[in-house]
C-alpha cells in the first residue's frame, strides 16, 4: 500500500480521483483537504512524519538497549552516544520511506480537526 503523505508527488497519486484511506477512496479526507490551505496540509504532513519518527526512535531504542558485543553496538565508552544517533537516523529514514502507517492516521486526524475548525 502506498503511503498517503510520504510520497514525493503530494498526498495523492497523479491519476487518483480522491485520497485513499486503508485501501479505499476517502471522500471525508478529500472534503477536509479542500477546507485547509496547502501550507496547513504540508505542516500536518511534516508533523505526522515527525510523530512517527519519534515513535520509531523509541521502539528502536528499546530494541537495541540490551545489545552488547562487536560492531556498531559494541560495548565501549562511546556506545551510548553512537547508538542514540544511529537509532535516530534509522527512525527518520524509516518514517520518511513510509514507516509503519502511523503517520497516515495522524495526518488524516490533523486534517479533519483543522477542517472542522474552519
PDB file of N, CA and C in Angstrom:
ATOM      1  N   UNK A   1       0.844  -1.174   0.000  1.00  0.00           N
ATOM      2  CA  UNK A   1       0.000   0.000   0.000  1.00  0.00           C
ATOM      3  C   UNK A   1       0.889   1.236   0.000  1.00  0.00           C
ATOM      4  N   UNK A   2       0.589   2.180  -0.828  1.00  0.00           N
ATOM      5  CA  UNK A   2       1.369   3.406  -0.924  1.00  0.00           C
ATOM      6  C   UNK A   2       0.972   4.348   0.193  1.00  0.00           C
ATOM      7  N   UNK A   3       1.943   4.989   0.778  1.00  0.00           N
ATOM      8  CA  UNK A   3       1.688   5.939   1.845  1.00  0.00           C
ATOM      9  C   UNK A   3       1.040   7.190   1.279  1.00  0.00           C
ATOM     10  N   UNK A   4       0.041   7.704   1.973  1.00  0.00           N
ATOM     11  CA  UNK A   4      -0.635   8.923   1.530  1.00  0.00           C
ATOM     12  C   UNK A   4       0.256  10.141   1.644  1.00  0.00           C
ATOM     13  N   UNK A   5       0.975  10.259   2.733  1.00  0.00           N
ATOM     14  CA  UNK A   5       1.662  11.515   2.997  1.00  0.00           C
ATOM     15  C   UNK A   5       3.150  11.467   2.777  1.00  0.00           C
ATOM     16  N   UNK A   6       3.693  10.297   2.562  1.00  0.00           N
ATOM     17  CA  UNK A   6       5.137  10.206   2.441  1.00  0.00           C
ATOM     18  C   UNK A   6       5.616  10.146   1.002  1.00  0.00           C
ATOM     19  N   UNK A   7       4.698  10.281   0.047  1.00  0.00           N
ATOM     20  CA  UNK A   7       5.143  10.270  -1.336  1.00  0.00           C
ATOM     21  C   UNK A   7       5.712  11.634  -1.701  1.00  0.00           C
ATOM     22  N   UNK A   8       6.535  11.656  -2.710  1.00  0.00           N
ATOM     23  CA  UNK A   8       7.149  12.913  -3.116  1.00  0.00           C
ATOM     24  C   UNK A   8       6.269  13.678  -4.088  1.00  0.00           C
ATOM     25  N   UNK A   9       5.183  13.069  -4.557  1.00  0.00           N
ATOM     26  CA  UNK A   9       4.312  13.717  -5.523  1.00  0.00           C
ATOM     27  C   UNK A   9       3.109  14.385  -4.880  1.00  0.00           C
ATOM     28  N   UNK A  10       3.026  14.428  -3.572  1.00  0.00           N
ATOM     29  CA  UNK A  10       1.882  15.032  -2.900  1.00  0.00           C
ATOM     30  C   UNK A  10       1.088  13.987  -2.163  1.00  0.00           C
ATOM     31  N   UNK A  11      -0.129  14.328  -1.793  1.00  0.00           N
ATOM     32  CA  UNK A  11      -0.916  13.426  -0.967  1.00  0.00           C
ATOM     33  C   UNK A  11      -1.706  12.416  -1.782  1.00  0.00           C
ATOM     34  N   UNK A  12      -1.713  12.549  -3.110  1.00  0.00           N
ATOM     35  CA  UNK A  12      -2.451  11.613  -3.941  1.00  0.00           C
ATOM     36  C   UNK A  12      -1.607  11.219  -5.138  1.00  0.00           C
ATOM     37  N   UNK A  13      -1.779   9.994  -5.612  1.00  0.00           N
ATOM     38  CA  UNK A  13      -1.120   9.618  -6.861  1.00  0.00           C
ATOM     39  C   UNK A  13      -1.635  10.501  -7.998  1.00  0.00           C
ATOM     40  N   UNK A  14      -0.879  10.587  -9.087  1.00  0.00           N
ATOM     41  CA  UNK A  14      -1.202  11.506 -10.185  1.00  0.00           C
ATOM     42  C   UNK A  14      -2.610  11.333 -10.739  1.00  0.00           C
ATOM     43  N   UNK A  15      -3.070  10.104 -10.945  1.00  0.00           N
ATOM     44  CA  UNK A  15      -4.350   9.879 -11.586  1.00  0.00           C
ATOM     45  C   UNK A  15      -5.466   9.536 -10.600  1.00  0.00           C
ATOM     46  N   UNK A  16      -5.239   9.699  -9.315  1.00  0.00           N
ATOM     47  CA  UNK A  16      -6.262   9.377  -8.326  1.00  0.00           C
ATOM     48  C   UNK A  16      -7.345  10.440  -8.321  1.00  0.00           C
ATOM     49  N   UNK A  17      -8.571  10.009  -8.138  1.00  0.00           N
ATOM     50  CA  UNK A  17      -9.686  10.940  -8.065  1.00  0.00           C
ATOM     51  C   UNK A  17      -9.839  11.502  -6.660  1.00  0.00           C
ATOM     52  N   UNK A  18      -9.463  10.720  -5.686  1.00  0.00           N
ATOM     53  CA  UNK A  18      -9.524  11.186  -4.308  1.00  0.00           C
ATOM     54  C   UNK A  18      -8.516  10.430  -3.458  1.00  0.00           C
ATOM     55  N   UNK A  19      -8.183  10.956  -2.270  1.00  0.00           N
ATOM     56  CA  UNK A  19      -7.204  10.285  -1.412  1.00  0.00           C
ATOM     57  C   UNK A  19      -7.690   8.903  -0.985  1.00  0.00           C
ATOM     58  N   UNK A  20      -6.741   8.044  -0.714  1.00  0.00           N
ATOM     59  CA  UNK A  20      -7.060   6.688  -0.280  1.00  0.00           C
ATOM     60  C   UNK A  20      -6.840   6.564   1.221  1.00  0.00           C
ATOM     61  N   UNK A  21      -7.689   5.777   1.869  1.00  0.00           N
ATOM     62  CA  UNK A  21      -7.570   5.508   3.295  1.00  0.00           C
ATOM     63  C   UNK A  21      -7.852   4.030   3.503  1.00  0.00           C
ATOM     64  N   UNK A  22      -6.866   3.298   4.008  1.00  0.00           N
ATOM     65  CA  UNK A  22      -6.969   1.857   4.199  1.00  0.00           C
ATOM     66  C   UNK A  22      -7.352   1.138   2.905  1.00  0.00           C
ATOM     67  N   UNK A  23      -6.782   1.602   1.786  1.00  0.00           N
ATOM     68  CA  UNK A  23      -7.015   0.960   0.513  1.00  0.00           C
ATOM     69  C   UNK A  23      -8.316   1.330  -0.169  1.00  0.00           C
ATOM     70  N   UNK A  24      -9.056   2.249   0.399  1.00  0.00           N
ATOM     71  CA  UNK A  24     -10.333   2.662  -0.188  1.00  0.00           C
ATOM     72  C   UNK A  24     -10.348   4.169  -0.372  1.00  0.00           C
ATOM     73  N   UNK A  25     -11.196   4.612  -1.301  1.00  0.00           N
ATOM     74  CA  UNK A  25     -11.353   6.048  -1.507  1.00  0.00           C
ATOM     75  C   UNK A  25     -11.894   6.689  -0.226  1.00  0.00           C
ATOM     76  N   UNK A  26     -11.398   7.882   0.089  1.00  0.00           N
ATOM     77  CA  UNK A  26     -11.780   8.562   1.330  1.00  0.00           C
ATOM     78  C   UNK A  26     -12.373   9.939   1.015  1.00  0.00           C
ATOM     79  N   UNK A  27     -13.681   9.996   0.770  1.00  0.00           N
ATOM     80  CA  UNK A  27     -14.297  11.284   0.449  1.00  0.00           C
ATOM     81  C   UNK A  27     -14.264  12.266   1.613  1.00  0.00           C
ATOM     82  N   UNK A  28     -14.239  11.773   2.839  1.00  0.00           N
ATOM     83  CA  UNK A  28     -14.191  12.656   4.006  1.00  0.00           C
ATOM     84  C   UNK A  28     -12.875  13.426   4.016  1.00  0.00           C
ATOM     85  N   UNK A  29     -11.779  12.731   3.777  1.00  0.00           N
ATOM     86  CA  UNK A  29     -10.469  13.393   3.731  1.00  0.00           C
ATOM     87  C   UNK A  29     -10.387  14.334   2.534  1.00  0.00           C
ATOM     88  N   UNK A  30     -10.958  13.943   1.408  1.00  0.00           N
ATOM     89  CA  UNK A  30     -10.948  14.808   0.232  1.00  0.00           C
ATOM     90  C   UNK A  30     -11.657  16.132   0.527  1.00  0.00           C
ATOM     91  N   UNK A  31     -12.814  16.071   1.174  1.00  0.00           N
ATOM     92  CA  UNK A  31     -13.538  17.300   1.531  1.00  0.00           C
ATOM     93  C   UNK A  31     -12.750  18.128   2.532  1.00  0.00           C
ATOM     94  N   UNK A  32     -12.126  17.465   3.491  1.00  0.00           N
ATOM     95  CA  UNK A  32     -11.345  18.177   4.502  1.00  0.00           C
ATOM     96  C   UNK A  32     -10.140  18.868   3.877  1.00  0.00           C
ATOM     97  N   UNK A  33      -9.491  18.224   2.904  1.00  0.00           N
ATOM     98  CA  UNK A  33      -8.328  18.827   2.244  1.00  0.00           C
ATOM     99  C   UNK A  33      -8.709  20.087   1.460  1.00  0.00           C
ATOM    100  N   UNK A  34      -9.958  20.165   1.016  1.00  0.00           N
ATOM    101  CA  UNK A  34     -10.421  21.366   0.320  1.00  0.00           C
ATOM    102  C   UNK A  34     -10.586  22.547   1.265  1.00  0.00           C
ATOM    103  N   UNK A  35     -10.785  22.266   2.547  1.00  0.00           N
ATOM    104  CA  UNK A  35     -11.036  23.316   3.537  1.00  0.00           C
ATOM    105  C   UNK A  35      -9.769  23.873   4.171  1.00  0.00           C
ATOM    106  N   UNK A  36      -8.647  23.186   3.994  1.00  0.00           N
ATOM    107  CA  UNK A  36      -7.388  23.650   4.581  1.00  0.00           C
ATOM    108  C   UNK A  36      -6.468  24.159   3.476  1.00  0.00           C
ATOM    109  N   UNK A  37      -5.581  25.044   3.855  1.00  0.00           N
ATOM    110  CA  UNK A  37      -4.631  25.586   2.880  1.00  0.00           C
ATOM    111  C   UNK A  37      -3.533  24.568   2.594  1.00  0.00           C
ATOM    112  N   UNK A  38      -2.853  24.686   1.462  1.00  0.00           N
ATOM    113  CA  UNK A  38      -1.726  23.781   1.181  1.00  0.00           C
ATOM    114  C   UNK A  38      -0.628  23.875   2.242  1.00  0.00           C
ATOM    115  N   UNK A  39      -0.449  25.065   2.818  1.00  0.00           N
ATOM    116  CA  UNK A  39       0.552  25.221   3.875  1.00  0.00           C
ATOM    117  C   UNK A  39       0.152  24.426   5.119  1.00  0.00           C
ATOM    118  N   UNK A  40      -1.137  24.452   5.462  1.00  0.00           N
ATOM    119  CA  UNK A  40      -1.607  23.680   6.608  1.00  0.00           C
ATOM    120  C   UNK A  40      -1.443  22.182   6.354  1.00  0.00           C
ATOM    121  N   UNK A  41      -1.749  21.744   5.130  1.00  0.00           N
ATOM    122  CA  UNK A  41      -1.601  20.333   4.789  1.00  0.00           C
ATOM    123  C   UNK A  41      -0.133  19.909   4.841  1.00  0.00           C
ATOM    124  N   UNK A  42       0.766  20.770   4.352  1.00  0.00           N
ATOM    125  CA  UNK A  42       2.200  20.457   4.388  1.00  0.00           C
ATOM    126  C   UNK A  42       2.707  20.389   5.827  1.00  0.00           C
ATOM    127  N   UNK A  43       2.227  21.322   6.665  1.00  0.00           N
ATOM    128  CA  UNK A  43       2.645  21.314   8.067  1.00  0.00           C
ATOM    129  C   UNK A  43       2.113  20.069   8.778  1.00  0.00           C
ATOM    130  N   UNK A  44       0.878  19.668   8.475  1.00  0.00           N
ATOM    131  CA  UNK A  44       0.313  18.455   9.063  1.00  0.00           C
ATOM    132  C   UNK A  44       1.085  17.223   8.610  1.00  0.00           C
ATOM    133  N   UNK A  45       1.498  17.217   7.336  1.00  0.00           N
ATOM    134  CA  UNK A  45       2.297  16.105   6.816  1.00  0.00           C
ATOM    135  C   UNK A  45       3.621  15.995   7.563  1.00  0.00           C
ATOM    136  N   UNK A  46       4.299  17.128   7.735  1.00  0.00           N
ATOM    137  CA  UNK A  46       5.584  17.132   8.443  1.00  0.00           C
ATOM    138  C   UNK A  46       5.411  16.721   9.899  1.00  0.00           C
ATOM    139  N   UNK A  47       4.369  17.210  10.534  1.00  0.00           N
ATOM    140  CA  UNK A  47       4.113  16.875  11.940  1.00  0.00           C
ATOM    141  C   UNK A  47       3.829  15.384  12.095  1.00  0.00           C
ATOM    142  N   UNK A  48       3.032  14.840  11.192  1.00  0.00           N
ATOM    143  CA  UNK A  48       2.696  13.416  11.262  1.00  0.00           C
ATOM    144  C   UNK A  48       3.935  12.543  11.051  1.00  0.00           C
ATOM    145  N   UNK A  49       4.773  12.934  10.114  1.00  0.00           N
ATOM    146  CA  UNK A  49       6.006  12.175   9.864  1.00  0.00           C
ATOM    147  C   UNK A  49       6.958  12.276  11.049  1.00  0.00           C
ATOM    148  N   UNK A  50       7.073  13.460  11.648  1.00  0.00           N
ATOM    149  CA  UNK A  50       7.912  13.629  12.839  1.00  0.00           C
ATOM    150  C   UNK A  50       7.393  12.787  14.004  1.00  0.00           C
ATOM    151  N   UNK A  51       6.076  12.732  14.161  1.00  0.00           N
ATOM    152  CA  UNK A  51       5.488  11.917  15.233  1.00  0.00           C
ATOM    153  C   UNK A  51       5.834  10.452  15.042  1.00  0.00           C
ATOM    154  N   UNK A  52       5.690   9.967  13.808  1.00  0.00           N
ATOM    155  CA  UNK A  52       6.030   8.573  13.547  1.00  0.00           C
ATOM    156  C   UNK A  52       7.519   8.326  13.777  1.00  0.00           C
ATOM    157  N   UNK A  53       8.344   9.276  13.396  1.00  0.00           N
ATOM    158  CA  UNK A  53       9.781   9.156  13.610  1.00  0.00           C
ATOM    159  C   UNK A  53      10.113   9.043  15.099  1.00  0.00           C
ATOM    160  N   UNK A  54       9.452   9.857  15.908  1.00  0.00           N
ATOM    161  CA  UNK A  54       9.691   9.787  17.360  1.00  0.00           C
ATOM    162  C   UNK A  54       9.242   8.437  17.924  1.00  0.00           C
ATOM    163  N   UNK A  55       8.111   7.933  17.464  1.00  0.00           N
ATOM    164  CA  UNK A  55       7.641   6.625  17.910  1.00  0.00           C
ATOM    165  C   UNK A  55       8.638   5.537  17.527  1.00  0.00           C
ATOM    166  N   UNK A  56       9.079   5.567  16.263  1.00  0.00           N
ATOM    167  CA  UNK A  56      10.034   4.557  15.799  1.00  0.00           C
ATOM    168  C   UNK A  56      11.359   4.661  16.540  1.00  0.00           C
ATOM    169  N   UNK A  57      11.795   5.878  16.851  1.00  0.00           N
ATOM    170  CA  UNK A  57      13.032   6.064  17.610  1.00  0.00           C
ATOM    171  C   UNK A  57      12.910   5.400  18.977  1.00  0.00           C
ATOM    172  N   UNK A  58      11.785   5.594  19.620  1.00  0.00           N
ATOM    173  CA  UNK A  58      11.565   4.959  20.922  1.00  0.00           C
ATOM    174  C   UNK A  58      11.580   3.434  20.784  1.00  0.00           C
ATOM    175  N   UNK A  59      10.939   2.925  19.741  1.00  0.00           N
ATOM    176  CA  UNK A  59      10.889   1.485  19.517  1.00  0.00           C
ATOM    177  C   UNK A  59      12.282   0.932  19.229  1.00  0.00           C
ATOM    178  N   UNK A  60      13.037   1.596  18.333  1.00  0.00           N
ATOM    179  CA  UNK A  60      14.381   1.138  18.008  1.00  0.00           C
ATOM    180  C   UNK A  60      15.313   1.226  19.221  1.00  0.00           C
ATOM    181  N   UNK A  61      15.160   2.258  20.024  1.00  0.00           N
ATOM    182  CA  UNK A  61      15.989   2.402  21.223  1.00  0.00           C
ATOM    183  C   UNK A  61      15.762   1.242  22.180  1.00  0.00           C
ATOM    184  N   UNK A  62      14.506   0.860  22.356  1.00  0.00           N
ATOM    185  CA  UNK A  62      14.201  -0.274  23.232  1.00  0.00           C
ATOM    186  C   UNK A  62      14.750  -1.578  22.662  1.00  0.00           C
ATOM    187  N   UNK A  63      14.706  -1.703  21.350  1.00  0.00           N
ATOM    188  CA  UNK A  63      15.205  -2.928  20.712  1.00  0.00           C
ATOM    189  C   UNK A  63      16.707  -3.083  20.876  1.00  0.00           C
ATOM    190  N   UNK A  64      17.442  -1.978  20.926  1.00  0.00           N
ATOM    191  CA  UNK A  64      18.903  -2.051  20.944  1.00  0.00           C
ATOM    192  C   UNK A  64      19.499  -1.844  22.327  1.00  0.00           C
ATOM    193  N   UNK A  65      18.681  -1.667  23.341  1.00  0.00           N
ATOM    194  CA  UNK A  65      19.184  -1.379  24.690  1.00  0.00           C
ATOM    195  C   UNK A  65      20.091  -2.479  25.236  1.00  0.00           C
ATOM    196  N   UNK A  66      19.719  -3.722  25.063  1.00  0.00           N
ATOM    197  CA  UNK A  66      20.480  -4.818  25.661  1.00  0.00           C
ATOM    198  C   UNK A  66      21.567  -5.396  24.794  1.00  0.00           C
ATOM    199  N   UNK A  67      21.816  -4.845  23.629  1.00  0.00           N
ATOM    200  CA  UNK A  67      22.833  -5.397  22.736  1.00  0.00           C
ATOM    201  C   UNK A  67      24.238  -5.066  23.212  1.00  0.00           C
ATOM    202  N   UNK A  68      25.074  -6.074  23.181  1.00  0.00           N
ATOM    203  CA  UNK A  68      26.481  -5.898  23.522  1.00  0.00           C
ATOM    204  C   UNK A  68      27.299  -6.715  22.539  1.00  0.00           C
ATOM    205  N   UNK A  69      28.555  -6.393  22.412  1.00  0.00           N
ATOM    206  CA  UNK A  69      29.418  -7.175  21.530  1.00  0.00           C
ATOM    207  C   UNK A  69      30.110  -6.317  20.501  1.00  0.00           C
ATOM    208  N   UNK A  70      30.601  -6.947  19.442  1.00  0.00           N
ATOM    209  CA  UNK A  70      31.336  -6.263  18.384  1.00  0.00           C
ATOM    210  C   UNK A  70      30.396  -5.516  17.453  1.00  0.00           C
ATOM    211  N   UNK A  71      30.980  -4.696  16.613  1.00  0.00           N
ATOM    212  CA  UNK A  71      30.203  -3.977  15.613  1.00  0.00           C
ATOM    213  C   UNK A  71      29.725  -2.632  16.121  1.00  0.00           C
ATOM    214  N   UNK A  72      28.766  -2.022  15.437  1.00  0.00           N
ATOM    215  CA  UNK A  72      28.312  -0.680  15.805  1.00  0.00           C
ATOM    216  C   UNK A  72      27.645  -0.643  17.185  1.00  0.00           C
ATOM    217  N   UNK A  73      27.234  -1.805  17.695  1.00  0.00           N
ATOM    218  CA  UNK A  73      26.615  -1.843  19.014  1.00  0.00           C
ATOM    219  C   UNK A  73      27.553  -2.448  20.047  1.00  0.00           C
ATOM    220  N   UNK A  74      28.834  -2.306  19.834  1.00  0.00           N
ATOM    221  CA  UNK A  74      29.819  -2.843  20.771  1.00  0.00           C
ATOM    222  C   UNK A  74      29.681  -2.209  22.142  1.00  0.00           C
ATOM    223  N   UNK A  75      30.354  -2.778  23.104  1.00  0.00           N
ATOM    224  CA  UNK A  75      30.259  -2.320  24.492  1.00  0.00           C
ATOM    225  C   UNK A  75      31.484  -1.458  24.810  1.00  0.00           C
ATOM    226  N   UNK A  76      31.496  -0.210  24.320  1.00  0.00           N
ATOM    227  CA  UNK A  76      32.598   0.711  24.566  1.00  0.00           C
ATOM    228  C   UNK A  76      32.066   1.982  25.220  1.00  0.00           C
ATOM    229  N   UNK A  77      32.960   2.901  25.520  1.00  0.00           N
ATOM    230  CA  UNK A  77      32.582   4.138  26.194  1.00  0.00           C
ATOM    231  C   UNK A  77      31.617   4.979  25.351  1.00  0.00           C
ATOM    232  N   UNK A  78      31.828   5.060  24.048  1.00  0.00           N
ATOM    233  CA  UNK A  78      31.004   5.896  23.180  1.00  0.00           C
ATOM    234  C   UNK A  78      29.763   5.216  22.635  1.00  0.00           C
ATOM    235  N   UNK A  79      29.492   4.016  23.066  1.00  0.00           N
ATOM    236  CA  UNK A  79      28.373   3.260  22.517  1.00  0.00           C
ATOM    237  C   UNK A  79      27.040   3.968  22.711  1.00  0.00           C
ATOM    238  N   UNK A  80      26.813   4.551  23.864  1.00  0.00           N
ATOM    239  CA  UNK A  80      25.530   5.199  24.139  1.00  0.00           C
ATOM    240  C   UNK A  80      25.227   6.329  23.174  1.00  0.00           C
ATOM    241  N   UNK A  81      26.204   7.192  22.960  1.00  0.00           N
ATOM    242  CA  UNK A  81      26.011   8.313  22.033  1.00  0.00           C
ATOM    243  C   UNK A  81      25.859   7.808  20.609  1.00  0.00           C
ATOM    244  N   UNK A  82      26.692   6.870  20.232  1.00  0.00           N
ATOM    245  CA  UNK A  82      26.624   6.314  18.874  1.00  0.00           C
ATOM    246  C   UNK A  82      25.282   5.638  18.638  1.00  0.00           C
ATOM    247  N   UNK A  83      24.847   4.835  19.579  1.00  0.00           N
ATOM    248  CA  UNK A  83      23.596   4.090  19.432  1.00  0.00           C
ATOM    249  C   UNK A  83      22.415   5.044  19.323  1.00  0.00           C
ATOM    250  N   UNK A  84      22.386   6.109  20.127  1.00  0.00           N
ATOM    251  CA  UNK A  84      21.256   7.035  20.072  1.00  0.00           C
ATOM    252  C   UNK A  84      21.215   7.783  18.738  1.00  0.00           C
ATOM    253  N   UNK A  85      22.375   8.175  18.229  1.00  0.00           N
ATOM    254  CA  UNK A  85      22.406   8.860  16.929  1.00  0.00           C
ATOM    255  C   UNK A  85      21.995   7.911  15.802  1.00  0.00           C
ATOM    256  N   UNK A  86      22.459   6.673  15.874  1.00  0.00           N
ATOM    257  CA  UNK A  86      22.149   5.698  14.843  1.00  0.00           C
ATOM    258  C   UNK A  86      20.652   5.371  14.834  1.00  0.00           C
ATOM    259  N   UNK A  87      20.069   5.131  15.991  1.00  0.00           N
ATOM    260  CA  UNK A  87      18.640   4.832  16.044  1.00  0.00           C
ATOM    261  C   UNK A  87      17.807   6.040  15.628  1.00  0.00           C
ATOM    262  N   UNK A  88      18.284   7.249  15.917  1.00  0.00           N
ATOM    263  CA  UNK A  88      17.579   8.458  15.491  1.00  0.00           C
ATOM    264  C   UNK A  88      17.549   8.543  13.963  1.00  0.00           C
ATOM    265  N   UNK A  89      18.678   8.293  13.327  1.00  0.00           N
ATOM    266  CA  UNK A  89      18.735   8.328  11.867  1.00  0.00           C
ATOM    267  C   UNK A  89      17.933   7.190  11.244  1.00  0.00           C
ATOM    268  N   UNK A  90      18.003   6.001  11.846  1.00  0.00           N
ATOM    269  CA  UNK A  90      17.182   4.888  11.369  1.00  0.00           C
ATOM    270  C   UNK A  90      15.710   5.274  11.392  1.00  0.00           C
ATOM    271  N   UNK A  91      15.252   5.843  12.491  1.00  0.00           N
ATOM    272  CA  UNK A  91      13.833   6.163  12.634  1.00  0.00           C
ATOM    273  C   UNK A  91      13.407   7.250  11.650  1.00  0.00           C
ATOM    274  N   UNK A  92      14.244   8.274  11.440  1.00  0.00           N
ATOM    275  CA  UNK A  92      13.905   9.331  10.482  1.00  0.00           C
ATOM    276  C   UNK A  92      13.788   8.775   9.066  1.00  0.00           C
ATOM    277  N   UNK A  93      14.754   7.958   8.659  1.00  0.00           N
ATOM    278  CA  UNK A  93      14.735   7.386   7.316  1.00  0.00           C
ATOM    279  C   UNK A  93      13.582   6.397   7.138  1.00  0.00           C
ATOM    280  N   UNK A  94      13.312   5.636   8.170  1.00  0.00           N
ATOM    281  CA  UNK A  94      12.216   4.663   8.110  1.00  0.00           C
ATOM    282  C   UNK A  94      10.881   5.394   7.972  1.00  0.00           C
ATOM    283  N   UNK A  95      10.672   6.455   8.750  1.00  0.00           N
ATOM    284  CA  UNK A  95       9.429   7.230   8.681  1.00  0.00           C
ATOM    285  C   UNK A  95       9.293   7.923   7.334  1.00  0.00           C
ATOM    286  N   UNK A  96      10.407   8.469   6.817  1.00  0.00           N
ATOM    287  CA  UNK A  96      10.378   9.171   5.530  1.00  0.00           C
ATOM    288  C   UNK A  96      10.035   8.209   4.395  1.00  0.00           C
ATOM    289  N   UNK A  97      10.459   6.951   4.515  1.00  0.00           N
ATOM    290  CA  UNK A  97      10.213   5.958   3.479  1.00  0.00           C
ATOM    291  C   UNK A  97       8.815   5.357   3.544  1.00  0.00           C
ATOM    292  N   UNK A  98       8.014   5.756   4.521  1.00  0.00           N
ATOM    293  CA  UNK A  98       6.656   5.231   4.613  1.00  0.00           C
ATOM    294  C   UNK A  98       6.321   4.693   5.982  1.00  0.00           C
ATOM    295  N   UNK A  99       7.330   4.352   6.744  1.00  0.00           N
ATOM    296  CA  UNK A  99       7.131   3.922   8.119  1.00  0.00           C
ATOM    297  C   UNK A  99       6.222   2.724   8.265  1.00  0.00           C
ATOM    298  N   UNK A 100       5.476   2.710   9.352  1.00  0.00           N
ATOM    299  CA  UNK A 100       4.572   1.607   9.656  1.00  0.00           C
ATOM    300  C   UNK A 100       3.116   2.009   9.514  1.00  0.00           C
ATOM    301  N   UNK A 101       2.849   3.212   9.031  1.00  0.00           N
ATOM    302  CA  UNK A 101       1.485   3.649   8.783  1.00  0.00           C
ATOM    303  C   UNK A 101       0.908   4.599   9.812  1.00  0.00           C
ATOM    304  N   UNK A 102       1.636   4.864  10.857  1.00  0.00           N
ATOM    305  CA  UNK A 102       1.137   5.760  11.899  1.00  0.00           C
ATOM    306  C   UNK A 102       0.950   7.174  11.351  1.00  0.00           C
ATOM    307  N   UNK A 103       1.869   7.617  10.514  1.00  0.00           N
ATOM    308  CA  UNK A 103       1.803   8.990  10.020  1.00  0.00           C
ATOM    309  C   UNK A 103       0.562   9.226   9.158  1.00  0.00           C
ATOM    310  N   UNK A 104       0.110   8.205   8.441  1.00  0.00           N
ATOM    311  CA  UNK A 104      -1.112   8.366   7.652  1.00  0.00           C
ATOM    312  C   UNK A 104      -2.316   8.647   8.544  1.00  0.00           C
ATOM    313  N   UNK A 105      -2.411   7.908   9.630  1.00  0.00           N
ATOM    314  CA  UNK A 105      -3.531   8.093  10.563  1.00  0.00           C
ATOM    315  C   UNK A 105      -3.451   9.456  11.239  1.00  0.00           C
ATOM    316  N   UNK A 106      -2.249   9.842  11.645  1.00  0.00           N
ATOM    317  CA  UNK A 106      -2.072  11.135  12.308  1.00  0.00           C
ATOM    318  C   UNK A 106      -2.380  12.266  11.330  1.00  0.00           C
ATOM    319  N   UNK A 107      -1.901  12.159  10.091  1.00  0.00           N
ATOM    320  CA  UNK A 107      -2.171  13.171   9.074  1.00  0.00           C
ATOM    321  C   UNK A 107      -3.675  13.330   8.855  1.00  0.00           C
ATOM    322  N   UNK A 108      -4.361  12.225   8.703  1.00  0.00           N
ATOM    323  CA  UNK A 108      -5.813  12.271   8.488  1.00  0.00           C
ATOM    324  C   UNK A 108      -6.511  12.939   9.665  1.00  0.00           C
ATOM    325  N   UNK A 109      -6.133  12.572  10.866  1.00  0.00           N
ATOM    326  CA  UNK A 109      -6.740  13.168  12.060  1.00  0.00           C
ATOM    327  C   UNK A 109      -6.488  14.672  12.135  1.00  0.00           C
ATOM    328  N   UNK A 110      -5.259  15.080  11.857  1.00  0.00           N
ATOM    329  CA  UNK A 110      -4.919  16.509  11.906  1.00  0.00           C
ATOM    330  C   UNK A 110      -5.714  17.308  10.870  1.00  0.00           C
ATOM    331  N   UNK A 111      -5.810  16.781   9.660  1.00  0.00           N
ATOM    332  CA  UNK A 111      -6.535  17.483   8.602  1.00  0.00           C
ATOM    333  C   UNK A 111      -8.021  17.573   8.948  1.00  0.00           C
ATOM    334  N   UNK A 112      -8.596  16.493   9.441  1.00  0.00           N
ATOM    335  CA  UNK A 112     -10.014  16.521   9.807  1.00  0.00           C
ATOM    336  C   UNK A 112     -10.277  17.516  10.941  1.00  0.00           C
ATOM    337  N   UNK A 113      -9.377  17.572  11.918  1.00  0.00           N
ATOM    338  CA  UNK A 113      -9.541  18.532  13.010  1.00  0.00           C
ATOM    339  C   UNK A 113      -9.420  19.959  12.500  1.00  0.00           C
ATOM    340  N   UNK A 114      -8.460  20.239  11.643  1.00  0.00           N
ATOM    341  CA  UNK A 114      -8.291  21.585  11.115  1.00  0.00           C
ATOM    342  C   UNK A 114      -9.469  21.987  10.227  1.00  0.00           C
ATOM    343  N   UNK A 115      -9.999  21.046   9.463  1.00  0.00           N
ATOM    344  CA  UNK A 115     -11.133  21.352   8.595  1.00  0.00           C
ATOM    345  C   UNK A 115     -12.392  21.650   9.418  1.00  0.00           C
ATOM    346  N   UNK A 116     -12.532  20.980  10.542  1.00  0.00           N
ATOM    347  CA  UNK A 116     -13.704  21.231  11.403  1.00  0.00           C
ATOM    348  C   UNK A 116     -13.621  22.585  12.096  1.00  0.00           C
ATOM    349  N   UNK A 117     -12.413  23.099  12.294  1.00  0.00           N
ATOM    350  CA  UNK A 117     -12.255  24.416  12.916  1.00  0.00           C
ATOM    351  C   UNK A 117     -12.592  25.547  11.954  1.00  0.00           C
ATOM    352  N   UNK A 118     -12.419  25.299  10.660  1.00  0.00           N
ATOM    353  CA  UNK A 118     -12.644  26.391   9.704  1.00  0.00           C
ATOM    354  C   UNK A 118     -14.069  26.417   9.186  1.00  0.00           C
TER     355      UNK A 118
END
